[in-house]
Amino acid sequence: MKLKKEQIEAIEESIKHWKRMIRWVKKQDKDDLVSQYTMGDDIKEVWSSSDCALCAIFEVNCSNCPLGIRYGSCLFGSKNAWIEVTQSDTWGEWLINAKVMLKQLKSLLDGK
């Protein structure tokens, strides 16, 4: 898949976004329950489409999104790791799933 400059920039921003969230979660108690509100209050971003650079340019149209094309949409029944992140109960589980999500995003830049 040949990426356009806008797509590469959105992927790079998404990678930075996930790295910031992961860095924050590493400071949390791994057994605490996941809360978008707590993360949002602390770092002003969460793992939703409203904070996703890819969703911003594809308007939540996963059929054209590089992540959606490679791993399936951010809906149930695909290989896209975002689904597992959203279903995480504890920060420890969230962290494991978010690392997979980050790996998926990085893989999109292989061969740009």
Protein backbone atom coordinates (compact mmCIF):
# COMPACT_ATOMS: atom_id res chain seq x y z
CA MET A 1 0.00 0.00 0.00
CA LYS A 2 1.52 3.30 -1.14
CA LEU A 3 0.84 6.01 1.42
CA LYS A 4 0.24 9.68 0.68
CA LYS A 5 2.10 12.34 2.65
CA GLU A 6 -1.06 13.22 4.62
CA GLN A 7 -1.52 9.58 5.60
CA ILE A 8 2.10 9.21 6.71
CA GLU A 9 1.81 12.33 8.84
CA ALA A 10 -1.44 11.07 10.42
CA ILE A 11 0.14 7.69 11.18
CA GLU A 12 3.18 9.39 12.72
CA GLU A 13 0.91 11.57 14.87
CA SER A 14 -1.10 8.51 15.90
CA ILE A 15 2.10 6.75 16.94
CA LYS A 16 3.08 9.75 19.08
CA HIS A 17 -0.44 9.79 20.57
CA TRP A 18 -0.26 6.11 21.56
CA LYS A 19 3.24 6.53 22.97
CA ARG A 20 2.01 9.39 25.20
CA MET A 21 -0.93 7.33 26.44
CA ILE A 22 1.28 4.29 27.06
CA ARG A 23 3.80 6.42 28.96
CA TRP A 24 0.96 7.73 31.18
CA VAL A 25 -0.52 4.27 31.76
CA LYS A 26 2.86 2.88 32.82
CA LYS A 27 2.61 5.19 35.85
CA GLN A 28 -0.80 3.82 36.87
CA ASP A 29 -1.55 0.88 39.15
CA LYS A 30 -1.85 -2.06 36.74
CA ASP A 31 -4.79 -3.47 38.75
CA ASP A 32 -6.85 -0.25 38.69
CA LEU A 33 -9.89 -0.14 36.45
CA VAL A 34 -9.50 1.60 33.10
CA SER A 35 -11.02 5.08 32.88
CA GLN A 36 -10.99 7.36 29.86
CA TYR A 37 -12.07 10.17 32.18
CA THR A 38 -9.02 9.80 34.40
CA MET A 39 -6.64 9.70 31.45
CA GLY A 40 -8.44 12.55 29.71
CA ASP A 41 -8.32 14.72 32.81
CA ASP A 42 -4.60 14.07 33.25
CA ILE A 43 -3.22 14.19 29.70
CA LYS A 44 -6.13 15.67 27.70
CA GLU A 45 -6.34 12.77 25.25
CA VAL A 46 -7.82 9.27 25.14
CA TRP A 47 -8.10 6.32 22.75
CA SER A 48 -11.23 7.47 20.93
CA SER A 49 -11.84 8.66 17.39
CA SER A 50 -11.95 12.25 18.64
CA ASP A 51 -8.21 12.05 19.41
CA CYS A 52 -7.17 9.94 16.42
CA ALA A 53 -5.27 11.67 13.62
CA LEU A 54 -6.28 8.92 11.20
CA CYS A 55 -9.98 9.25 12.07
CA ALA A 56 -9.65 13.01 11.58
CA ILE A 57 -8.69 12.64 7.93
CA PHE A 58 -10.79 9.56 7.11
CA GLU A 59 -13.81 10.78 9.09
CA VAL A 60 -14.12 7.41 10.82
CA ASN A 61 -14.34 5.69 7.40
CA CYS A 62 -12.21 2.64 8.11
CA SER A 63 -12.53 1.33 4.56
CA ASN A 64 -10.10 4.04 3.38
CA CYS A 65 -7.93 4.23 6.51
CA PRO A 66 -4.53 2.50 6.23
CA LEU A 67 -5.09 0.86 9.64
CA GLY A 68 -8.54 -0.32 8.56
CA ILE A 69 -7.23 -1.62 5.26
CA ARG A 70 -4.46 -3.65 6.89
CA TYR A 71 -6.09 -4.78 10.16
CA GLY A 72 -9.80 -4.22 9.71
CA SER A 73 -12.04 -1.52 11.06
CA CYS A 74 -12.12 -0.39 14.66
CA LEU A 75 -15.24 -2.49 15.10
CA PHE A 76 -15.70 -5.95 16.50
CA GLY A 77 -14.57 -8.94 14.49
CA SER A 78 -11.29 -7.70 13.03
CA LYS A 79 -7.57 -7.97 13.82
CA ASN A 80 -7.42 -4.26 14.70
CA ALA A 81 -6.02 -4.01 18.25
CA TRP A 82 -8.13 -0.96 19.08
CA ILE A 83 -11.01 -3.31 19.85
CA GLU A 84 -8.99 -5.09 22.54
CA VAL A 85 -7.87 -1.76 24.00
CA THR A 86 -11.48 -0.62 24.38
CA GLN A 87 -12.42 -3.91 26.06
CA SER A 88 -9.59 -3.78 28.60
CA ASP A 89 -10.74 -3.84 32.22
CA THR A 90 -7.51 -2.90 34.01
CA TRP A 91 -4.61 -0.61 33.14
CA GLY A 92 -2.34 -3.64 32.97
CA GLU A 93 -4.54 -5.26 30.34
CA TRP A 94 -4.92 -1.92 28.53
CA LEU A 95 -1.14 -1.56 28.38
CA ILE A 96 -0.66 -4.99 26.81
CA ASN A 97 -3.30 -4.26 24.16
CA ALA A 98 -2.07 -0.71 23.53
CA LYS A 99 1.42 -2.02 22.79
CA VAL A 100 -0.10 -4.24 20.09
CA MET A 101 -1.98 -1.22 18.74
CA LEU A 102 1.26 0.76 18.62
CA LYS A 103 2.99 -2.11 16.79
CA GLN A 104 0.15 -2.18 14.24
CA LEU A 105 0.45 1.56 13.65
CA LYS A 106 4.24 1.34 13.23
CA SER A 107 3.83 -1.52 10.75
CA LEU A 108 1.87 0.81 8.47
CA LEU A 109 5.06 2.79 7.83
CA ASP A 110 7.01 -0.28 6.70
CA GLY A 111 7.85 0.44 3.09
CA LYS A 112 5.88 3.71 3.13
